[in-house]
Amino acid sequence: MAADSEKTAAAAPKHTLVGRVVSNKMHKTVTVLIERRVRHPVYGKYLVRSTRLHAHDETDSAGEGDLVEIVETRPLSRTKNWIVTRVIESARNV
């Protein structure tokens, strides 16, 4: 019985999001801006809504402006429930 529930939990798909790093001033923590398009219920116009999430970055590899993939995990602190899995695209330095 216990082995079946462990397999189910391990096989569950992980909740991943892609967003842009807006701040990396904290030690091993980045702030990621997630933007999504939602349709207005009455007028039908598509609006851009955003969410800012704190994510754990163990190697401090993500810089400001980088496009990163984050995955949901257990609570690491009061505000951190996400971990940076990879940097998809580095920011262009002007």
N, C-alpha and C. Protein backbone atom coordinates (compact mmCIF):
# COMPACT_ATOMS: atom_id res chain seq x y z
N MET A 1 0.81 -1.19 0.00
CA MET A 1 0.00 0.00 0.00
C MET A 1 0.86 1.26 0.00
N ALA A 2 1.85 1.29 0.89
CA ALA A 2 2.70 2.48 1.00
C ALA A 2 3.53 2.68 -0.26
N ALA A 3 3.97 1.58 -0.86
CA ALA A 3 4.78 1.68 -2.07
C ALA A 3 3.98 2.27 -3.22
N ASP A 4 2.68 1.94 -3.30
CA ASP A 4 1.83 2.49 -4.36
C ASP A 4 1.69 4.00 -4.22
N SER A 5 1.50 4.48 -3.00
CA SER A 5 1.33 5.92 -2.82
C SER A 5 2.64 6.66 -3.09
N GLU A 6 3.78 6.03 -2.80
CA GLU A 6 5.07 6.66 -3.10
C GLU A 6 5.28 6.76 -4.60
N LYS A 7 4.89 5.73 -5.35
CA LYS A 7 5.02 5.76 -6.80
C LYS A 7 4.14 6.85 -7.39
N THR A 8 2.93 6.99 -6.87
CA THR A 8 2.01 8.00 -7.37
C THR A 8 2.55 9.40 -7.11
N ALA A 9 3.09 9.62 -5.92
CA ALA A 9 3.64 10.93 -5.60
C ALA A 9 4.87 11.23 -6.44
N ALA A 10 5.70 10.23 -6.69
CA ALA A 10 6.91 10.44 -7.48
C ALA A 10 6.57 10.66 -8.95
N ALA A 11 5.51 10.05 -9.44
CA ALA A 11 5.15 10.15 -10.84
C ALA A 11 4.30 11.38 -11.13
N ALA A 12 3.87 12.10 -10.10
CA ALA A 12 3.03 13.28 -10.30
C ALA A 12 3.83 14.34 -11.06
N PRO A 13 3.19 14.98 -12.05
CA PRO A 13 3.92 16.00 -12.81
C PRO A 13 4.23 17.21 -11.93
N LYS A 14 5.43 17.75 -12.11
CA LYS A 14 5.83 18.90 -11.32
C LYS A 14 5.27 20.17 -11.94
N HIS A 15 4.89 21.10 -11.09
CA HIS A 15 4.33 22.37 -11.54
C HIS A 15 5.49 23.30 -11.91
N THR A 16 5.67 23.57 -13.19
CA THR A 16 6.77 24.43 -13.63
C THR A 16 6.22 25.69 -14.29
N LEU A 17 6.97 26.77 -14.16
CA LEU A 17 6.62 28.04 -14.77
C LEU A 17 7.88 28.64 -15.39
N VAL A 18 7.68 29.53 -16.35
CA VAL A 18 8.79 30.24 -16.97
C VAL A 18 8.56 31.73 -16.77
N GLY A 19 9.60 32.42 -16.32
CA GLY A 19 9.47 33.85 -16.08
C GLY A 19 10.80 34.57 -16.17
N ARG A 20 10.75 35.88 -16.00
CA ARG A 20 11.94 36.73 -16.11
C ARG A 20 12.38 37.18 -14.72
N VAL A 21 13.68 37.12 -14.46
CA VAL A 21 14.24 37.54 -13.17
C VAL A 21 14.22 39.06 -13.12
N VAL A 22 13.56 39.63 -12.09
CA VAL A 22 13.51 41.08 -11.94
C VAL A 22 14.40 41.56 -10.81
N SER A 23 14.85 40.65 -9.93
CA SER A 23 15.75 41.04 -8.85
C SER A 23 16.56 39.83 -8.42
N ASN A 24 17.86 40.04 -8.22
CA ASN A 24 18.72 38.99 -7.69
C ASN A 24 19.61 39.54 -6.57
N LYS A 25 19.09 40.51 -5.83
CA LYS A 25 19.86 41.18 -4.79
C LYS A 25 19.97 40.36 -3.50
N MET A 26 19.10 39.37 -3.33
CA MET A 26 19.14 38.54 -2.12
C MET A 26 20.10 37.38 -2.32
N HIS A 27 20.63 36.87 -1.23
CA HIS A 27 21.57 35.76 -1.28
C HIS A 27 20.82 34.46 -1.58
N LYS A 28 21.15 33.81 -2.70
CA LYS A 28 20.55 32.54 -3.14
C LYS A 28 19.05 32.63 -3.38
N THR A 29 18.54 33.83 -3.64
CA THR A 29 17.12 34.01 -3.91
C THR A 29 16.96 35.00 -5.06
N VAL A 30 16.05 34.68 -5.98
CA VAL A 30 15.72 35.60 -7.07
C VAL A 30 14.22 35.86 -7.06
N THR A 31 13.83 37.02 -7.56
CA THR A 31 12.42 37.35 -7.73
C THR A 31 12.11 37.18 -9.21
N VAL A 32 11.11 36.35 -9.51
CA VAL A 32 10.76 36.02 -10.89
C VAL A 32 9.38 36.58 -11.20
N LEU A 33 9.29 37.30 -12.32
CA LEU A 33 8.03 37.87 -12.77
C LEU A 33 7.40 36.92 -13.78
N ILE A 34 6.21 36.41 -13.46
CA ILE A 34 5.47 35.50 -14.33
C ILE A 34 4.34 36.30 -14.97
N GLU A 35 4.32 36.37 -16.30
CA GLU A 35 3.25 37.08 -17.00
C GLU A 35 2.36 36.08 -17.72
N ARG A 36 1.05 36.33 -17.66
CA ARG A 36 0.10 35.45 -18.33
C ARG A 36 -0.99 36.32 -18.96
N ARG A 37 -1.61 35.80 -20.00
CA ARG A 37 -2.68 36.52 -20.68
C ARG A 37 -4.01 35.91 -20.26
N VAL A 38 -4.91 36.76 -19.77
CA VAL A 38 -6.25 36.31 -19.39
C VAL A 38 -7.28 37.11 -20.17
N ARG A 39 -8.38 36.47 -20.45
CA ARG A 39 -9.45 37.12 -21.21
C ARG A 39 -10.43 37.77 -20.26
N HIS A 40 -10.81 39.01 -20.56
CA HIS A 40 -11.79 39.71 -19.74
C HIS A 40 -13.14 39.01 -19.88
N PRO A 41 -13.83 38.72 -18.76
CA PRO A 41 -15.06 37.93 -18.84
C PRO A 41 -16.20 38.60 -19.61
N VAL A 42 -16.27 39.93 -19.61
CA VAL A 42 -17.36 40.62 -20.28
C VAL A 42 -16.96 41.10 -21.67
N TYR A 43 -15.83 41.78 -21.76
CA TYR A 43 -15.45 42.44 -23.00
C TYR A 43 -14.62 41.57 -23.94
N GLY A 44 -14.04 40.51 -23.43
CA GLY A 44 -13.30 39.60 -24.29
C GLY A 44 -11.89 40.04 -24.64
N LYS A 45 -11.48 41.21 -24.16
CA LYS A 45 -10.13 41.69 -24.45
C LYS A 45 -9.12 40.90 -23.62
N TYR A 46 -7.97 40.60 -24.21
CA TYR A 46 -6.93 39.88 -23.49
C TYR A 46 -6.07 40.88 -22.72
N LEU A 47 -5.90 40.61 -21.44
CA LEU A 47 -5.13 41.46 -20.55
C LEU A 47 -3.90 40.71 -20.07
N VAL A 48 -2.84 41.44 -19.78
CA VAL A 48 -1.62 40.83 -19.25
C VAL A 48 -1.64 40.97 -17.74
N ARG A 49 -1.64 39.85 -17.05
CA ARG A 49 -1.58 39.83 -15.59
C ARG A 49 -0.23 39.26 -15.20
N SER A 50 0.28 39.71 -14.06
CA SER A 50 1.61 39.24 -13.65
C SER A 50 1.62 38.86 -12.18
N THR A 51 2.55 37.98 -11.84
CA THR A 51 2.76 37.51 -10.48
C THR A 51 4.26 37.51 -10.22
N ARG A 52 4.65 37.97 -9.03
CA ARG A 52 6.06 37.94 -8.65
C ARG A 52 6.25 36.84 -7.62
N LEU A 53 7.19 35.93 -7.89
CA LEU A 53 7.46 34.81 -7.00
C LEU A 53 8.93 34.83 -6.60
N HIS A 54 9.20 34.41 -5.36
CA HIS A 54 10.57 34.25 -4.90
C HIS A 54 10.98 32.81 -5.16
N ALA A 55 12.17 32.62 -5.73
CA ALA A 55 12.66 31.28 -6.05
C ALA A 55 14.07 31.11 -5.53
N HIS A 56 14.38 29.89 -5.09
CA HIS A 56 15.70 29.56 -4.57
C HIS A 56 16.66 29.30 -5.72
N ASP A 57 17.80 29.96 -5.70
CA ASP A 57 18.84 29.78 -6.72
C ASP A 57 20.13 29.40 -6.00
N GLU A 58 20.36 28.11 -5.87
CA GLU A 58 21.47 27.59 -5.06
C GLU A 58 22.83 28.11 -5.52
N THR A 59 23.03 28.21 -6.83
CA THR A 59 24.34 28.60 -7.36
C THR A 59 24.45 30.10 -7.65
N ASP A 60 23.40 30.86 -7.42
CA ASP A 60 23.38 32.29 -7.74
C ASP A 60 23.75 32.54 -9.20
N SER A 61 23.29 31.67 -10.10
CA SER A 61 23.66 31.77 -11.51
C SER A 61 22.72 32.66 -12.31
N ALA A 62 21.50 32.89 -11.83
CA ALA A 62 20.54 33.70 -12.58
C ALA A 62 20.77 35.18 -12.31
N GLY A 63 20.89 35.93 -13.39
CA GLY A 63 21.08 37.37 -13.26
C GLY A 63 19.80 38.10 -13.59
N GLU A 64 19.80 39.38 -13.32
CA GLU A 64 18.63 40.20 -13.58
C GLU A 64 18.37 40.25 -15.09
N GLY A 65 17.12 39.99 -15.49
CA GLY A 65 16.75 39.99 -16.90
C GLY A 65 16.79 38.62 -17.55
N ASP A 66 17.32 37.60 -16.86
CA ASP A 66 17.40 36.25 -17.42
C ASP A 66 16.02 35.61 -17.46
N LEU A 67 15.79 34.77 -18.46
CA LEU A 67 14.58 33.97 -18.56
C LEU A 67 14.87 32.63 -17.89
N VAL A 68 14.10 32.27 -16.85
CA VAL A 68 14.38 31.06 -16.08
C VAL A 68 13.15 30.18 -15.98
N GLU A 69 13.41 28.90 -15.73
CA GLU A 69 12.35 27.94 -15.46
C GLU A 69 12.39 27.63 -13.96
N ILE A 70 11.22 27.69 -13.31
CA ILE A 70 11.16 27.39 -11.88
C ILE A 70 10.17 26.26 -11.65
N VAL A 71 10.42 25.48 -10.61
CA VAL A 71 9.57 24.34 -10.28
C VAL A 71 9.13 24.47 -8.83
N GLU A 72 7.88 24.11 -8.56
CA GLU A 72 7.33 24.21 -7.21
C GLU A 72 7.92 23.12 -6.31
N THR A 73 8.14 23.47 -5.05
CA THR A 73 8.74 22.55 -4.10
C THR A 73 8.14 22.79 -2.72
N ARG A 74 8.69 22.12 -1.73
CA ARG A 74 8.23 22.34 -0.36
C ARG A 74 8.59 23.76 0.07
N PRO A 75 7.92 24.30 1.08
CA PRO A 75 8.27 25.65 1.54
C PRO A 75 9.70 25.70 2.06
N LEU A 76 10.49 26.62 1.51
CA LEU A 76 11.86 26.81 1.94
C LEU A 76 11.97 27.96 2.94
N SER A 77 11.03 28.88 2.89
CA SER A 77 10.95 29.98 3.85
C SER A 77 9.51 30.49 3.81
N ARG A 78 9.28 31.63 4.42
CA ARG A 78 7.92 32.15 4.46
C ARG A 78 7.42 32.50 3.06
N THR A 79 8.31 32.94 2.18
CA THR A 79 7.89 33.37 0.84
C THR A 79 8.41 32.49 -0.29
N LYS A 80 9.34 31.59 -0.03
CA LYS A 80 9.95 30.78 -1.10
C LYS A 80 9.36 29.38 -1.15
N ASN A 81 8.69 29.06 -2.28
CA ASN A 81 8.16 27.72 -2.54
C ASN A 81 8.61 27.22 -3.91
N TRP A 82 9.56 27.88 -4.54
CA TRP A 82 9.99 27.57 -5.89
C TRP A 82 11.50 27.45 -5.94
N ILE A 83 12.01 26.66 -6.90
CA ILE A 83 13.45 26.49 -7.11
C ILE A 83 13.74 26.76 -8.59
N VAL A 84 14.82 27.49 -8.86
CA VAL A 84 15.25 27.71 -10.24
C VAL A 84 15.89 26.42 -10.75
N THR A 85 15.33 25.85 -11.83
CA THR A 85 15.88 24.61 -12.38
C THR A 85 16.90 24.88 -13.47
N ARG A 86 16.66 25.90 -14.30
CA ARG A 86 17.62 26.20 -15.35
C ARG A 86 17.40 27.62 -15.86
N VAL A 87 18.47 28.18 -16.41
CA VAL A 87 18.41 29.48 -17.07
C VAL A 87 18.20 29.21 -18.55
N ILE A 88 17.06 29.63 -19.07
CA ILE A 88 16.71 29.37 -20.47
C ILE A 88 17.46 30.33 -21.39
N GLU A 89 17.46 31.61 -21.02
CA GLU A 89 18.08 32.63 -21.86
C GLU A 89 18.69 33.69 -20.97
N SER A 90 19.95 34.01 -21.22
CA SER A 90 20.62 35.05 -20.45
C SER A 90 20.23 36.42 -20.98
N ALA A 91 20.25 37.40 -20.10
CA ALA A 91 19.92 38.77 -20.49
C ALA A 91 21.03 39.33 -21.36
N ARG A 92 20.64 40.16 -22.31
CA ARG A 92 21.62 40.82 -23.16
C ARG A 92 22.11 42.07 -22.44
N ASN A 93 23.42 42.16 -22.23
CA ASN A 93 23.99 43.34 -21.59
C ASN A 93 24.19 44.42 -22.64
N VAL A 94 23.63 45.59 -22.37
CA VAL A 94 23.73 46.70 -23.33
C VAL A 94 24.86 47.61 -22.95
